[in-house]
Amino acid sequence: MSQASSTLIGIALGEGDPEKIKFYLKLTVFNSVLVSSILAITAYCFMDYEVALFTSDEDVKNMFFSTYWIVCLGIPIDEFQVCLYQGILVAFGAQKFAAWSSSIAIYVVWIA
């Protein structure tokens, strides 16, 4: 989705059409959040089956069930970030900013 948004926004930028740019920005954000939210809800609904693939230990299952909602909550947030960095910022020519800021977020903030 991010590649498609980058292409569409880039074409609209080339045409000099700010209304198309706004439309594609909104469409991209809406679609990425919608699709990833459906994925997160589906993953949450099937978490019993997911954990059963890897373990039958009740303590591990309880730990998984108590924390998996955090993972599911992060799916739409992560997809929004990916859409923003790989699609929208690239379309506006901010590849260097996207690369540096995501590198800092991943290797400095996340590891710390």
C-alpha atoms as a PDB file:
ATOM      1  CA  MET A   1       0.000   0.000   0.000  1.00  0.00           C
ATOM      2  CA  SER A   2       2.861   2.368   0.742  1.00  0.00           C
ATOM      3  CA  GLN A   3       4.323   1.978  -2.747  1.00  0.00           C
ATOM      4  CA  ALA A   4       0.939   2.695  -4.326  1.00  0.00           C
ATOM      5  CA  SER A   5       0.459   5.780  -2.163  1.00  0.00           C
ATOM      6  CA  SER A   6       3.942   6.999  -3.001  1.00  0.00           C
ATOM      7  CA  THR A   7       3.207   6.635  -6.712  1.00  0.00           C
ATOM      8  CA  LEU A   8      -0.219   8.282  -6.562  1.00  0.00           C
ATOM      9  CA  ILE A   9       0.956  11.177  -4.415  1.00  0.00           C
ATOM     10  CA  GLY A  10       4.022  11.649  -6.626  1.00  0.00           C
ATOM     11  CA  ILE A  11       1.838  11.819  -9.737  1.00  0.00           C
ATOM     12  CA  ALA A  12      -0.478  14.323  -8.051  1.00  0.00           C
ATOM     13  CA  LEU A  13       2.548  16.390  -6.996  1.00  0.00           C
ATOM     14  CA  GLY A  14       3.791  16.351 -10.581  1.00  0.00           C
ATOM     15  CA  GLU A  15       0.387  17.489 -11.801  1.00  0.00           C
ATOM     16  CA  GLY A  16       0.349  20.248  -9.184  1.00  0.00           C
ATOM     17  CA  ASP A  17      -3.071  19.182  -7.902  1.00  0.00           C
ATOM     18  CA  PRO A  18      -3.299  19.806  -4.129  1.00  0.00           C
ATOM     19  CA  GLU A  19      -6.826  18.380  -3.907  1.00  0.00           C
ATOM     20  CA  LYS A  20      -5.663  15.023  -5.282  1.00  0.00           C
ATOM     21  CA  ILE A  21      -2.730  15.066  -2.892  1.00  0.00           C
ATOM     22  CA  LYS A  22      -5.034  15.600   0.101  1.00  0.00           C
ATOM     23  CA  PHE A  23      -7.382  12.900  -1.139  1.00  0.00           C
ATOM     24  CA  TYR A  24      -4.581  10.361  -1.607  1.00  0.00           C
ATOM     25  CA  LEU A  25      -3.104  11.186   1.802  1.00  0.00           C
ATOM     26  CA  LYS A  26      -6.434  10.643   3.526  1.00  0.00           C
ATOM     27  CA  LEU A  27      -7.169   7.521   1.489  1.00  0.00           C
ATOM     28  CA  THR A  28      -3.769   6.039   2.272  1.00  0.00           C
ATOM     29  CA  VAL A  29      -4.022   6.641   6.012  1.00  0.00           C
ATOM     30  CA  PHE A  30      -7.619   5.410   6.162  1.00  0.00           C
ATOM     31  CA  ASN A  31      -6.910   2.235   4.188  1.00  0.00           C
ATOM     32  CA  SER A  32      -3.774   1.345   6.114  1.00  0.00           C
ATOM     33  CA  VAL A  33      -5.471   1.816   9.481  1.00  0.00           C
ATOM     34  CA  LEU A  34      -8.607  -0.043   8.339  1.00  0.00           C
ATOM     35  CA  VAL A  35      -6.774  -3.067   6.933  1.00  0.00           C
ATOM     36  CA  SER A  36      -4.360  -3.316   9.858  1.00  0.00           C
ATOM     37  CA  SER A  37      -7.190  -2.950  12.387  1.00  0.00           C
ATOM     38  CA  ILE A  38      -9.039  -5.848  10.766  1.00  0.00           C
ATOM     39  CA  LEU A  39      -5.821  -7.853  10.925  1.00  0.00           C
ATOM     40  CA  ALA A  40      -5.336  -6.978  14.603  1.00  0.00           C
ATOM     41  CA  ILE A  41      -8.910  -7.927  15.502  1.00  0.00           C
ATOM     42  CA  THR A  42      -8.584 -11.200  13.602  1.00  0.00           C
ATOM     43  CA  ALA A  43      -5.290 -12.001  15.313  1.00  0.00           C
ATOM     44  CA  TYR A  44      -6.821 -11.254  18.709  1.00  0.00           C
ATOM     45  CA  CYS A  45      -9.859 -13.429  18.014  1.00  0.00           C
ATOM     46  CA  PHE A  46      -7.686 -16.403  17.015  1.00  0.00           C
ATOM     47  CA  MET A  47      -5.055 -16.078  19.728  1.00  0.00           C
ATOM     48  CA  ASP A  48      -6.110 -19.400  21.285  1.00  0.00           C
ATOM     49  CA  TYR A  49      -5.133 -21.190  18.108  1.00  0.00           C
ATOM     50  CA  GLU A  50      -1.957 -19.171  17.641  1.00  0.00           C
ATOM     51  CA  VAL A  51      -0.531 -20.037  21.041  1.00  0.00           C
ATOM     52  CA  ALA A  52      -1.595 -23.679  20.681  1.00  0.00           C
ATOM     53  CA  LEU A  53       0.703 -23.974  17.657  1.00  0.00           C
ATOM     54  CA  PHE A  54       3.729 -23.344  19.847  1.00  0.00           C
ATOM     55  CA  THR A  55       3.016 -24.612  23.351  1.00  0.00           C
ATOM     56  CA  SER A  56       0.644 -26.503  25.589  1.00  0.00           C
ATOM     57  CA  ASP A  57       2.132 -25.185  28.847  1.00  0.00           C
ATOM     58  CA  GLU A  58      -0.571 -23.356  30.811  1.00  0.00           C
ATOM     59  CA  ASP A  59       1.830 -20.814  32.342  1.00  0.00           C
ATOM     60  CA  VAL A  60       3.107 -19.812  28.922  1.00  0.00           C
ATOM     61  CA  LYS A  61      -0.449 -19.606  27.590  1.00  0.00           C
ATOM     62  CA  ASN A  62      -1.512 -17.367  30.480  1.00  0.00           C
ATOM     63  CA  MET A  63       1.452 -15.063  29.906  1.00  0.00           C
ATOM     64  CA  PHE A  64       0.662 -14.948  26.187  1.00  0.00           C
ATOM     65  CA  PHE A  65      -3.013 -14.164  26.785  1.00  0.00           C
ATOM     66  CA  SER A  66      -2.194 -11.401  29.259  1.00  0.00           C
ATOM     67  CA  THR A  67       0.171  -9.597  26.888  1.00  0.00           C
ATOM     68  CA  TYR A  68      -1.011 -10.365  23.355  1.00  0.00           C
ATOM     69  CA  TRP A  69      -3.513  -7.509  23.341  1.00  0.00           C
ATOM     70  CA  ILE A  70      -0.554  -5.107  23.404  1.00  0.00           C
ATOM     71  CA  VAL A  71       0.826  -6.698  20.242  1.00  0.00           C
ATOM     72  CA  CYS A  72      -2.580  -6.469  18.558  1.00  0.00           C
ATOM     73  CA  LEU A  73      -2.896  -2.830  19.570  1.00  0.00           C
ATOM     74  CA  GLY A  74       0.486  -2.106  18.015  1.00  0.00           C
ATOM     75  CA  ILE A  75      -0.391  -3.565  14.599  1.00  0.00           C
ATOM     76  CA  PRO A  76      -2.374  -0.518  13.330  1.00  0.00           C
ATOM     77  CA  ILE A  77       0.156   1.862  14.872  1.00  0.00           C
ATOM     78  CA  ASP A  78       3.026   0.079  13.137  1.00  0.00           C
ATOM     79  CA  GLU A  79       1.194  -0.004   9.810  1.00  0.00           C
ATOM     80  CA  PHE A  80       0.521   3.731  10.064  1.00  0.00           C
ATOM     81  CA  GLN A  81       4.239   4.310  10.663  1.00  0.00           C
ATOM     82  CA  VAL A  82       5.216   2.128   7.705  1.00  0.00           C
ATOM     83  CA  CYS A  83       2.696   3.902   5.474  1.00  0.00           C
ATOM     84  CA  LEU A  84       3.987   7.276   6.605  1.00  0.00           C
ATOM     85  CA  TYR A  85       7.682   6.505   6.180  1.00  0.00           C
ATOM     86  CA  GLN A  86       7.662   4.312   3.076  1.00  0.00           C
ATOM     87  CA  GLY A  87       4.794   5.938   1.247  1.00  0.00           C
ATOM     88  CA  ILE A  88       3.950   9.500   2.122  1.00  0.00           C
ATOM     89  CA  LEU A  89       7.369  10.869   3.069  1.00  0.00           C
ATOM     90  CA  VAL A  90       9.016   9.177   0.095  1.00  0.00           C
ATOM     91  CA  ALA A  91       6.422  10.723  -2.218  1.00  0.00           C
ATOM     92  CA  PHE A  92       7.312  14.163  -0.876  1.00  0.00           C
ATOM     93  CA  GLY A  93      11.017  13.505  -1.427  1.00  0.00           C
ATOM     94  CA  ALA A  94      11.922  13.175   2.249  1.00  0.00           C
ATOM     95  CA  GLN A  95      13.738   9.850   1.931  1.00  0.00           C
ATOM     96  CA  LYS A  96      16.749  11.053   3.880  1.00  0.00           C
ATOM     97  CA  PHE A  97      14.584  12.243   6.786  1.00  0.00           C
ATOM     98  CA  ALA A  98      12.589   8.988   6.739  1.00  0.00           C
ATOM     99  CA  ALA A  99      15.761   6.898   6.755  1.00  0.00           C
ATOM    100  CA  TRP A 100      17.428   8.807   9.600  1.00  0.00           C
ATOM    101  CA  SER A 101      14.370   9.155  11.810  1.00  0.00           C
ATOM    102  CA  SER A 102      13.352   5.514  11.431  1.00  0.00           C
ATOM    103  CA  SER A 103      16.949   4.431  12.094  1.00  0.00           C
ATOM    104  CA  ILE A 104      17.015   6.496  15.278  1.00  0.00           C
ATOM    105  CA  ALA A 105      13.626   5.153  16.339  1.00  0.00           C
ATOM    106  CA  ILE A 106      14.646   1.552  15.715  1.00  0.00           C
ATOM    107  CA  TYR A 107      18.249   1.479  16.846  1.00  0.00           C
ATOM    108  CA  VAL A 108      18.266   4.064  19.634  1.00  0.00           C
ATOM    109  CA  VAL A 109      14.781   4.267  21.125  1.00  0.00           C
ATOM    110  CA  TRP A 110      13.673   0.677  20.548  1.00  0.00           C
ATOM    111  CA  ILE A 111      16.877  -0.939  21.781  1.00  0.00           C
ATOM    112  CA  ALA A 112      17.092   1.328  24.824  1.00  0.00           C
END
